[in-house]
C-alpha atoms as a PDB file:
ATOM      1  CA  MET A   1       0.000   0.000   0.000  1.00  0.00           C
ATOM      2  CA  SER A   2       1.491   3.332  -1.005  1.00  0.00           C
ATOM      3  CA  ALA A   3       1.696   6.302   1.341  1.00  0.00           C
ATOM      4  CA  ARG A   4      -0.736   9.208   1.055  1.00  0.00           C
ATOM      5  CA  PHE A   5       0.268  12.751   1.818  1.00  0.00           C
ATOM      6  CA  GLU A   6      -1.893  15.716   2.824  1.00  0.00           C
ATOM      7  CA  ILE A   7      -1.427  18.720   0.533  1.00  0.00           C
ATOM      8  CA  THR A   8      -2.551  22.118   1.846  1.00  0.00           C
ATOM      9  CA  VAL A   9      -2.971  25.095  -0.493  1.00  0.00           C
ATOM     10  CA  GLU A  10      -2.768  27.799   2.172  1.00  0.00           C
ATOM     11  CA  ASP A  11      -3.926  30.822   0.185  1.00  0.00           C
ATOM     12  CA  LYS A  12      -6.973  28.928  -1.131  1.00  0.00           C
ATOM     13  CA  GLY A  13      -7.951  27.182   2.118  1.00  0.00           C
ATOM     14  CA  ALA A  14      -7.944  23.856   0.263  1.00  0.00           C
ATOM     15  CA  GLN A  15      -6.610  20.412   1.087  1.00  0.00           C
ATOM     16  CA  PHE A  16      -6.303  17.222  -0.913  1.00  0.00           C
ATOM     17  CA  GLN A  17      -4.497  13.910  -0.733  1.00  0.00           C
ATOM     18  CA  CYS A  18      -1.670  12.816  -2.995  1.00  0.00           C
ATOM     19  CA  ARG A  19      -0.354   9.272  -3.281  1.00  0.00           C
ATOM     20  CA  GLU A  20       3.332   8.496  -3.142  1.00  0.00           C
ATOM     21  CA  GLU A  21       4.771   8.778  -6.696  1.00  0.00           C
ATOM     22  CA  GLN A  22       1.756  10.829  -7.907  1.00  0.00           C
ATOM     23  CA  ARG A  23       2.220  14.366  -9.207  1.00  0.00           C
ATOM     24  CA  LEU A  24       0.457  17.102  -7.229  1.00  0.00           C
ATOM     25  CA  LEU A  25      -1.572  18.514 -10.098  1.00  0.00           C
ATOM     26  CA  HIS A  26      -2.766  15.074 -11.215  1.00  0.00           C
ATOM     27  CA  ALA A  27      -3.849  14.161  -7.665  1.00  0.00           C
ATOM     28  CA  MET A  28      -5.775  17.414  -7.318  1.00  0.00           C
ATOM     29  CA  GLN A  29      -7.598  16.891 -10.616  1.00  0.00           C
ATOM     30  CA  ALA A  30      -8.355  13.221  -9.847  1.00  0.00           C
ATOM     31  CA  GLN A  31     -10.264  14.425  -6.771  1.00  0.00           C
ATOM     32  CA  GLY A  32     -12.257  16.969  -8.782  1.00  0.00           C
ATOM     33  CA  LEU A  33     -10.609  19.945  -7.096  1.00  0.00           C
ATOM     34  CA  ALA A  34      -9.199  23.134  -8.630  1.00  0.00           C
ATOM     35  CA  PRO A  35      -7.306  25.313  -6.106  1.00  0.00           C
ATOM     36  CA  ILE A  36      -4.261  25.324  -8.424  1.00  0.00           C
ATOM     37  CA  PRO A  37      -4.667  26.643 -12.003  1.00  0.00           C
ATOM     38  CA  VAL A  38      -4.285  23.952 -14.667  1.00  0.00           C
ATOM     39  CA  GLY A  39      -2.556  24.431 -18.010  1.00  0.00           C
ATOM     40  CA  CYS A  40      -0.716  21.960 -20.217  1.00  0.00           C
ATOM     41  CA  LYS A  41       0.026  19.459 -17.370  1.00  0.00           C
ATOM     42  CA  GLY A  42       3.495  18.797 -18.766  1.00  0.00           C
ATOM     43  CA  GLY A  43       5.697  21.637 -17.503  1.00  0.00           C
ATOM     44  CA  GLY A  44       5.568  23.756 -20.645  1.00  0.00           C
ATOM     45  CA  CYS A  45       3.184  26.596 -19.794  1.00  0.00           C
ATOM     46  CA  GLY A  46       4.005  27.660 -16.207  1.00  0.00           C
ATOM     47  CA  ILE A  47       0.344  28.150 -15.238  1.00  0.00           C
ATOM     48  CA  CYS A  48       0.565  25.800 -12.227  1.00  0.00           C
ATOM     49  CA  ARG A  49       3.447  27.572 -10.414  1.00  0.00           C
ATOM     50  CA  VAL A  50       3.362  27.152  -6.654  1.00  0.00           C
ATOM     51  CA  GLN A  51       5.719  27.889  -3.783  1.00  0.00           C
ATOM     52  CA  ILE A  52       6.301  25.005  -1.398  1.00  0.00           C
ATOM     53  CA  ILE A  53       6.345  26.427   2.123  1.00  0.00           C
ATOM     54  CA  GLN A  54       6.862  23.242   4.078  1.00  0.00           C
ATOM     55  CA  GLY A  55       7.549  19.584   3.347  1.00  0.00           C
ATOM     56  CA  GLU A  56       9.772  17.348   1.280  1.00  0.00           C
ATOM     57  CA  TYR A  57       9.312  16.713  -2.420  1.00  0.00           C
ATOM     58  CA  GLU A  58      10.952  15.541  -5.609  1.00  0.00           C
ATOM     59  CA  ILE A  59      10.775  17.501  -8.847  1.00  0.00           C
ATOM     60  CA  ARG A  60      10.910  16.399 -12.437  1.00  0.00           C
ATOM     61  CA  LYS A  61      12.596  18.519 -15.099  1.00  0.00           C
ATOM     62  CA  MET A  62      10.987  21.971 -15.422  1.00  0.00           C
ATOM     63  CA  ASN A  63      11.122  24.576 -18.187  1.00  0.00           C
ATOM     64  CA  ARG A  64      13.534  27.312 -17.012  1.00  0.00           C
ATOM     65  CA  ASP A  65      11.419  29.922 -18.822  1.00  0.00           C
ATOM     66  CA  HIS A  66       8.846  29.369 -16.055  1.00  0.00           C
ATOM     67  CA  VAL A  67      10.981  28.396 -13.045  1.00  0.00           C
ATOM     68  CA  THR A  68      14.502  29.761 -12.754  1.00  0.00           C
ATOM     69  CA  GLU A  69      17.168  28.195 -10.569  1.00  0.00           C
ATOM     70  CA  GLU A  70      16.678  31.114  -8.158  1.00  0.00           C
ATOM     71  CA  ASP A  71      12.909  30.429  -8.066  1.00  0.00           C
ATOM     72  CA  GLU A  72      13.597  26.778  -7.363  1.00  0.00           C
ATOM     73  CA  ARG A  73      15.875  27.678  -4.421  1.00  0.00           C
ATOM     74  CA  LYS A  74      12.912  29.657  -3.007  1.00  0.00           C
ATOM     75  CA  GLY A  75      10.658  26.591  -3.315  1.00  0.00           C
ATOM     76  CA  ILE A  76       8.875  27.805  -6.458  1.00  0.00           C
ATOM     77  CA  VAL A  77       8.044  24.861  -8.702  1.00  0.00           C
ATOM     78  CA  LEU A  78       5.474  23.676 -11.241  1.00  0.00           C
ATOM     79  CA  SER A  79       2.874  21.528  -9.470  1.00  0.00           C
ATOM     80  CA  CYS A  80       2.604  19.268 -12.521  1.00  0.00           C
ATOM     81  CA  ARG A  81       6.274  18.331 -11.989  1.00  0.00           C
ATOM     82  CA  VAL A  82       6.215  17.793  -8.176  1.00  0.00           C
ATOM     83  CA  ILE A  83       5.967  14.463  -6.367  1.00  0.00           C
ATOM     84  CA  PRO A  84       5.520  14.801  -2.584  1.00  0.00           C
ATOM     85  CA  LYS A  85       7.701  12.838  -0.161  1.00  0.00           C
ATOM     86  CA  SER A  86       5.834  14.147   2.911  1.00  0.00           C
ATOM     87  CA  ASN A  87       2.822  16.319   3.728  1.00  0.00           C
ATOM     88  CA  LEU A  88       3.174  19.666   1.927  1.00  0.00           C
ATOM     89  CA  SER A  89       2.025  23.229   2.523  1.00  0.00           C
ATOM     90  CA  LEU A  90       2.114  25.514  -0.487  1.00  0.00           C
ATOM     91  CA  ARG A  91       0.693  28.685  -1.981  1.00  0.00           C
ATOM     92  CA  LEU A  92       0.160  29.872  -5.530  1.00  0.00           C
ATOM     93  CA  ALA A  93       3.121  31.635  -7.156  1.00  0.00           C
ATOM     94  CA  PRO A  94       2.533  34.245  -9.870  1.00  0.00           C
ATOM     95  CA  LYS A  95       3.802  33.555 -13.359  1.00  0.00           C
ATOM     96  CA  PRO A  96       7.065  35.461 -13.950  1.00  0.00           C
ATOM     97  CA  LYS A  97       7.151  38.513 -16.162  1.00  0.00           C
ATOM     98  CA  ALA A  98       8.800  38.035 -19.541  1.00  0.00           C
ATOM     99  CA  SER A  99      12.528  38.675 -19.311  1.00  0.00           C
ATOM    100  CA  ASN A 100      12.335  41.212 -22.145  1.00  0.00           C
ATOM    101  CA  GLU A 101       9.949  43.480 -20.208  1.00  0.00           C
ATOM    102  CA  SER A 102      11.706  46.536 -18.844  1.00  0.00           C
ATOM    103  CA  ALA A 103      10.936  48.367 -15.627  1.00  0.00           C
ATOM    104  CA  ALA A 104       9.131  51.649 -16.128  1.00  0.00           C
END
């Protein structure tokens, strides 16, 4: 029997369960929930960016256009590429501005 982890989306007041080896976004959708925005489900669009506040996790390869190495050090990841290794607390993370935008 595989482990189940409790996932808490703090800024949405939502919780759902995720099985060991299951990706966060897939677990959320399988339970008919939608506290995290859903895009391509494969790491290419960046819509499902979240910041992990607490807990252990494994990440699959992510598109660096959507999650930089600095973001990743801050716990910002794509939920479609995250597999929990413990209970997790997270919050939504805004999509980054295009790198070619200049400050006004």
